[in-house]
Amino acid sequence: LSTLARGWDALGQLNGDGASAAFGQVLASEPDHFDALTGQFTAQQLLNDNVACQHAADALFSRPAAGPAEAVQISQHWKQYRQRSYPSISTNTGWQLVHTLTQAREFQQAEALVKQLDKHDHGQDAIKALQQALEQEGLSHRAKALTL
């Protein structure tokens, strides 16, 4: 916990190296730690380390959100990732991200991502979940436009 706090303090001081080191320590023992992943992603953006940022983003985006608050936070990081024009994410990571964006109720982002991804087995579950969410919102015309 103190290592995480040290990382967030370093970010607050715009010390990307210190933040990255602290979050990296946490991730070494807990690779799926949500706060450490979000902190590492932010630290790598601060450092303009595109390769490390892409690695952190892949770990963050391929992680299932533990609830709506995490899903919203991941969707905000996805917006940042896209704004920086990083390379496309892997297909498997993309399908998990579609689930997360759907959970965050970011339907337009999820729909846009579906159009970019290769359709395969992993994608069918994500598309079905998105279609159900759209139908619940009364957007059946958009749900029908998504193809499996």
C-alpha atoms as a PDB file:
ATOM      1  CA  LEU A   1       0.000   0.000   0.000  1.00  0.00           C
ATOM      2  CA  SER A   2       2.820   2.406   0.798  1.00  0.00           C
ATOM      3  CA  THR A   3       4.459   1.607  -2.545  1.00  0.00           C
ATOM      4  CA  LEU A   4       1.222   2.506  -4.335  1.00  0.00           C
ATOM      5  CA  ALA A   5       0.979   5.738  -2.359  1.00  0.00           C
ATOM      6  CA  ARG A   6       4.579   6.539  -3.288  1.00  0.00           C
ATOM      7  CA  GLY A   7       3.698   6.010  -6.963  1.00  0.00           C
ATOM      8  CA  TRP A   8       0.679   8.294  -6.819  1.00  0.00           C
ATOM      9  CA  ASP A   9       2.677  10.936  -4.927  1.00  0.00           C
ATOM     10  CA  ALA A  10       5.355  10.772  -7.613  1.00  0.00           C
ATOM     11  CA  LEU A  11       2.713  11.219 -10.313  1.00  0.00           C
ATOM     12  CA  GLY A  12       1.338  14.215  -8.434  1.00  0.00           C
ATOM     13  CA  GLN A  13       4.826  15.725  -8.593  1.00  0.00           C
ATOM     14  CA  LEU A  14       5.050  14.832 -12.307  1.00  0.00           C
ATOM     15  CA  ASN A  15       7.908  12.455 -11.539  1.00  0.00           C
ATOM     16  CA  GLY A  16       7.230   9.789 -14.147  1.00  0.00           C
ATOM     17  CA  ASP A  17      10.385   7.785 -13.379  1.00  0.00           C
ATOM     18  CA  GLY A  18       9.598   7.553  -9.667  1.00  0.00           C
ATOM     19  CA  ALA A  19       5.964   6.708 -10.336  1.00  0.00           C
ATOM     20  CA  SER A  20       6.846   4.059 -12.896  1.00  0.00           C
ATOM     21  CA  ALA A  21       9.340   2.446 -10.515  1.00  0.00           C
ATOM     22  CA  ALA A  22       6.821   2.336  -7.650  1.00  0.00           C
ATOM     23  CA  PHE A  23       3.987   0.955  -9.772  1.00  0.00           C
ATOM     24  CA  GLY A  24       6.392  -1.508 -11.373  1.00  0.00           C
ATOM     25  CA  GLN A  25       7.240  -2.844  -7.904  1.00  0.00           C
ATOM     26  CA  VAL A  26       3.575  -3.533  -7.205  1.00  0.00           C
ATOM     27  CA  LEU A  27       3.018  -5.085 -10.628  1.00  0.00           C
ATOM     28  CA  ALA A  28       6.006  -7.398 -10.184  1.00  0.00           C
ATOM     29  CA  SER A  29       4.142  -9.225  -7.425  1.00  0.00           C
ATOM     30  CA  GLU A  30       0.546  -8.457  -8.512  1.00  0.00           C
ATOM     31  CA  PRO A  31       0.444  -8.130 -12.324  1.00  0.00           C
ATOM     32  CA  ASP A  32      -3.338  -7.519 -12.372  1.00  0.00           C
ATOM     33  CA  HIS A  33      -3.434  -4.866  -9.626  1.00  0.00           C
ATOM     34  CA  PHE A  34      -5.882  -2.305 -11.016  1.00  0.00           C
ATOM     35  CA  ASP A  35      -4.529   0.824  -9.290  1.00  0.00           C
ATOM     36  CA  ALA A  36      -0.955  -0.076 -10.199  1.00  0.00           C
ATOM     37  CA  LEU A  37      -1.934  -0.709 -13.838  1.00  0.00           C
ATOM     38  CA  THR A  38      -3.735   2.631 -14.138  1.00  0.00           C
ATOM     39  CA  GLY A  39      -0.838   4.398 -12.435  1.00  0.00           C
ATOM     40  CA  GLN A  40       1.736   2.709 -14.652  1.00  0.00           C
ATOM     41  CA  PHE A  41      -0.257   3.623 -17.761  1.00  0.00           C
ATOM     42  CA  THR A  42      -0.368   7.264 -16.645  1.00  0.00           C
ATOM     43  CA  ALA A  43       3.335   7.302 -15.692  1.00  0.00           C
ATOM     44  CA  GLN A  44       4.362   5.921 -19.084  1.00  0.00           C
ATOM     45  CA  GLN A  45       2.287   8.589 -20.834  1.00  0.00           C
ATOM     46  CA  LEU A  46       4.020  11.232 -18.721  1.00  0.00           C
ATOM     47  CA  LEU A  47       7.398   9.813 -19.734  1.00  0.00           C
ATOM     48  CA  ASN A  48       6.353   9.612 -23.400  1.00  0.00           C
ATOM     49  CA  ASP A  49       7.594   6.024 -23.423  1.00  0.00           C
ATOM     50  CA  ASN A  50       5.388   4.660 -26.188  1.00  0.00           C
ATOM     51  CA  VAL A  51       6.547   1.047 -25.949  1.00  0.00           C
ATOM     52  CA  ALA A  52       6.103   0.865 -22.163  1.00  0.00           C
ATOM     53  CA  CYS A  53       2.786   2.703 -22.424  1.00  0.00           C
ATOM     54  CA  GLN A  54       1.515   0.205 -24.994  1.00  0.00           C
ATOM     55  CA  HIS A  55       2.560  -2.654 -22.711  1.00  0.00           C
ATOM     56  CA  ALA A  56       0.770  -1.067 -19.729  1.00  0.00           C
ATOM     57  CA  ALA A  57      -2.288  -0.358 -21.879  1.00  0.00           C
ATOM     58  CA  ASP A  58      -2.435  -3.954 -23.093  1.00  0.00           C
ATOM     59  CA  ALA A  59      -2.335  -5.227 -19.501  1.00  0.00           C
ATOM     60  CA  LEU A  60      -4.978  -2.711 -18.420  1.00  0.00           C
ATOM     61  CA  PHE A  61      -7.336  -3.210 -21.373  1.00  0.00           C
ATOM     62  CA  SER A  62      -7.152  -7.011 -21.285  1.00  0.00           C
ATOM     63  CA  ARG A  63      -8.108  -7.064 -17.600  1.00  0.00           C
ATOM     64  CA  PRO A  64     -11.817  -7.569 -16.857  1.00  0.00           C
ATOM     65  CA  ALA A  65     -13.262  -4.655 -14.878  1.00  0.00           C
ATOM     66  CA  ALA A  66     -14.333  -5.575 -11.347  1.00  0.00           C
ATOM     67  CA  GLY A  67     -17.342  -3.281 -11.549  1.00  0.00           C
ATOM     68  CA  PRO A  68     -18.840  -0.226 -13.223  1.00  0.00           C
ATOM     69  CA  ALA A  69     -16.397   2.235 -11.621  1.00  0.00           C
ATOM     70  CA  GLU A  70     -13.371   0.325 -12.928  1.00  0.00           C
ATOM     71  CA  ALA A  71     -15.035  -0.023 -16.333  1.00  0.00           C
ATOM     72  CA  VAL A  72     -15.542   3.746 -16.540  1.00  0.00           C
ATOM     73  CA  GLN A  73     -11.943   4.380 -15.539  1.00  0.00           C
ATOM     74  CA  ILE A  74     -10.672   1.931 -18.168  1.00  0.00           C
ATOM     75  CA  SER A  75     -12.875   3.611 -20.785  1.00  0.00           C
ATOM     76  CA  GLN A  76     -11.271   6.964 -19.913  1.00  0.00           C
ATOM     77  CA  HIS A  77      -7.809   5.452 -20.396  1.00  0.00           C
ATOM     78  CA  TRP A  78      -8.984   4.013 -23.710  1.00  0.00           C
ATOM     79  CA  LYS A  79      -9.950   7.527 -24.837  1.00  0.00           C
ATOM     80  CA  GLN A  80      -6.469   8.753 -23.883  1.00  0.00           C
ATOM     81  CA  TYR A  81      -4.857   5.860 -25.726  1.00  0.00           C
ATOM     82  CA  ARG A  82      -6.798   6.638 -28.894  1.00  0.00           C
ATOM     83  CA  GLN A  83      -6.032  10.365 -28.672  1.00  0.00           C
ATOM     84  CA  ARG A  84      -2.328   9.585 -28.662  1.00  0.00           C
ATOM     85  CA  SER A  85      -2.658   7.529 -31.849  1.00  0.00           C
ATOM     86  CA  TYR A  86      -0.924   4.460 -30.479  1.00  0.00           C
ATOM     87  CA  PRO A  87      -0.963   1.316 -32.643  1.00  0.00           C
ATOM     88  CA  SER A  88      -3.984  -0.944 -32.678  1.00  0.00           C
ATOM     89  CA  ILE A  89      -4.405  -3.276 -29.736  1.00  0.00           C
ATOM     90  CA  SER A  90      -4.423  -7.044 -30.143  1.00  0.00           C
ATOM     91  CA  THR A  91      -7.672  -8.750 -31.076  1.00  0.00           C
ATOM     92  CA  ASN A  92      -8.001 -10.604 -27.759  1.00  0.00           C
ATOM     93  CA  THR A  93      -7.380  -7.412 -25.794  1.00  0.00           C
ATOM     94  CA  GLY A  94      -9.867  -5.620 -28.025  1.00  0.00           C
ATOM     95  CA  TRP A  95     -12.652  -8.084 -27.334  1.00  0.00           C
ATOM     96  CA  GLN A  96     -12.119  -7.810 -23.591  1.00  0.00           C
ATOM     97  CA  LEU A  97     -12.176  -4.044 -23.980  1.00  0.00           C
ATOM     98  CA  VAL A  98     -15.519  -4.276 -25.838  1.00  0.00           C
ATOM     99  CA  HIS A  99     -16.907  -6.067 -22.751  1.00  0.00           C
ATOM    100  CA  THR A 100     -15.471  -3.363 -20.493  1.00  0.00           C
ATOM    101  CA  LEU A 101     -16.761  -0.488 -22.627  1.00  0.00           C
ATOM    102  CA  THR A 102     -20.190  -2.107 -22.651  1.00  0.00           C
ATOM    103  CA  GLN A 103     -20.056  -2.411 -18.869  1.00  0.00           C
ATOM    104  CA  ALA A 104     -19.116   1.292 -18.698  1.00  0.00           C
ATOM    105  CA  ARG A 105     -22.093   2.057 -20.979  1.00  0.00           C
ATOM    106  CA  GLU A 106     -19.736   3.551 -23.563  1.00  0.00           C
ATOM    107  CA  PHE A 107     -21.700   2.006 -26.400  1.00  0.00           C
ATOM    108  CA  GLN A 108     -20.402   4.173 -29.238  1.00  0.00           C
ATOM    109  CA  GLN A 109     -16.798   3.413 -28.313  1.00  0.00           C
ATOM    110  CA  ALA A 110     -17.611  -0.298 -28.068  1.00  0.00           C
ATOM    111  CA  GLU A 111     -19.378  -0.280 -31.437  1.00  0.00           C
ATOM    112  CA  ALA A 112     -16.451   1.523 -33.086  1.00  0.00           C
ATOM    113  CA  LEU A 113     -14.012  -0.994 -31.650  1.00  0.00           C
ATOM    114  CA  VAL A 114     -16.120  -3.946 -32.859  1.00  0.00           C
ATOM    115  CA  LYS A 115     -15.797  -2.607 -36.413  1.00  0.00           C
ATOM    116  CA  GLN A 116     -11.992  -2.569 -36.096  1.00  0.00           C
ATOM    117  CA  LEU A 117     -11.526  -6.075 -34.699  1.00  0.00           C
ATOM    118  CA  ASP A 118     -11.261  -9.398 -36.474  1.00  0.00           C
ATOM    119  CA  LYS A 119     -14.354 -11.454 -35.836  1.00  0.00           C
ATOM    120  CA  HIS A 120     -13.697 -14.789 -34.149  1.00  0.00           C
ATOM    121  CA  ASP A 121     -14.884 -16.870 -31.194  1.00  0.00           C
ATOM    122  CA  HIS A 122     -13.859 -14.394 -28.489  1.00  0.00           C
ATOM    123  CA  GLY A 123     -15.743 -11.662 -30.278  1.00  0.00           C
ATOM    124  CA  GLN A 124     -19.097 -13.383 -30.339  1.00  0.00           C
ATOM    125  CA  ASP A 125     -19.585 -13.122 -26.568  1.00  0.00           C
ATOM    126  CA  ALA A 126     -18.573  -9.466 -26.571  1.00  0.00           C
ATOM    127  CA  ILE A 127     -20.897  -8.658 -29.474  1.00  0.00           C
ATOM    128  CA  LYS A 128     -23.808 -10.484 -27.828  1.00  0.00           C
ATOM    129  CA  ALA A 129     -23.260  -8.585 -24.564  1.00  0.00           C
ATOM    130  CA  LEU A 130     -23.127  -5.286 -26.459  1.00  0.00           C
ATOM    131  CA  GLN A 131     -26.247  -6.176 -28.440  1.00  0.00           C
ATOM    132  CA  GLN A 132     -28.146  -7.005 -25.232  1.00  0.00           C
ATOM    133  CA  ALA A 133     -27.069  -3.745 -23.597  1.00  0.00           C
ATOM    134  CA  LEU A 134     -28.107  -1.747 -26.658  1.00  0.00           C
ATOM    135  CA  GLU A 135     -31.491  -3.481 -26.766  1.00  0.00           C
ATOM    136  CA  GLN A 136     -32.031  -2.730 -23.059  1.00  0.00           C
ATOM    137  CA  GLU A 137     -31.418   0.927 -23.873  1.00  0.00           C
ATOM    138  CA  GLY A 138     -34.021   0.812 -26.640  1.00  0.00           C
ATOM    139  CA  LEU A 139     -31.379   0.916 -29.355  1.00  0.00           C
ATOM    140  CA  SER A 140     -32.329  -2.299 -31.127  1.00  0.00           C
ATOM    141  CA  HIS A 141     -31.562  -0.792 -34.544  1.00  0.00           C
ATOM    142  CA  ARG A 142     -27.920  -0.366 -33.460  1.00  0.00           C
ATOM    143  CA  ALA A 143     -27.872  -3.844 -31.916  1.00  0.00           C
ATOM    144  CA  LYS A 144     -29.074  -5.386 -35.180  1.00  0.00           C
ATOM    145  CA  ALA A 145     -26.377  -3.526 -37.104  1.00  0.00           C
ATOM    146  CA  LEU A 146     -23.678  -5.431 -35.206  1.00  0.00           C
ATOM    147  CA  THR A 147     -22.779  -8.648 -36.987  1.00  0.00           C
ATOM    148  CA  LEU A 148     -21.351 -11.789 -35.428  1.00  0.00           C
END
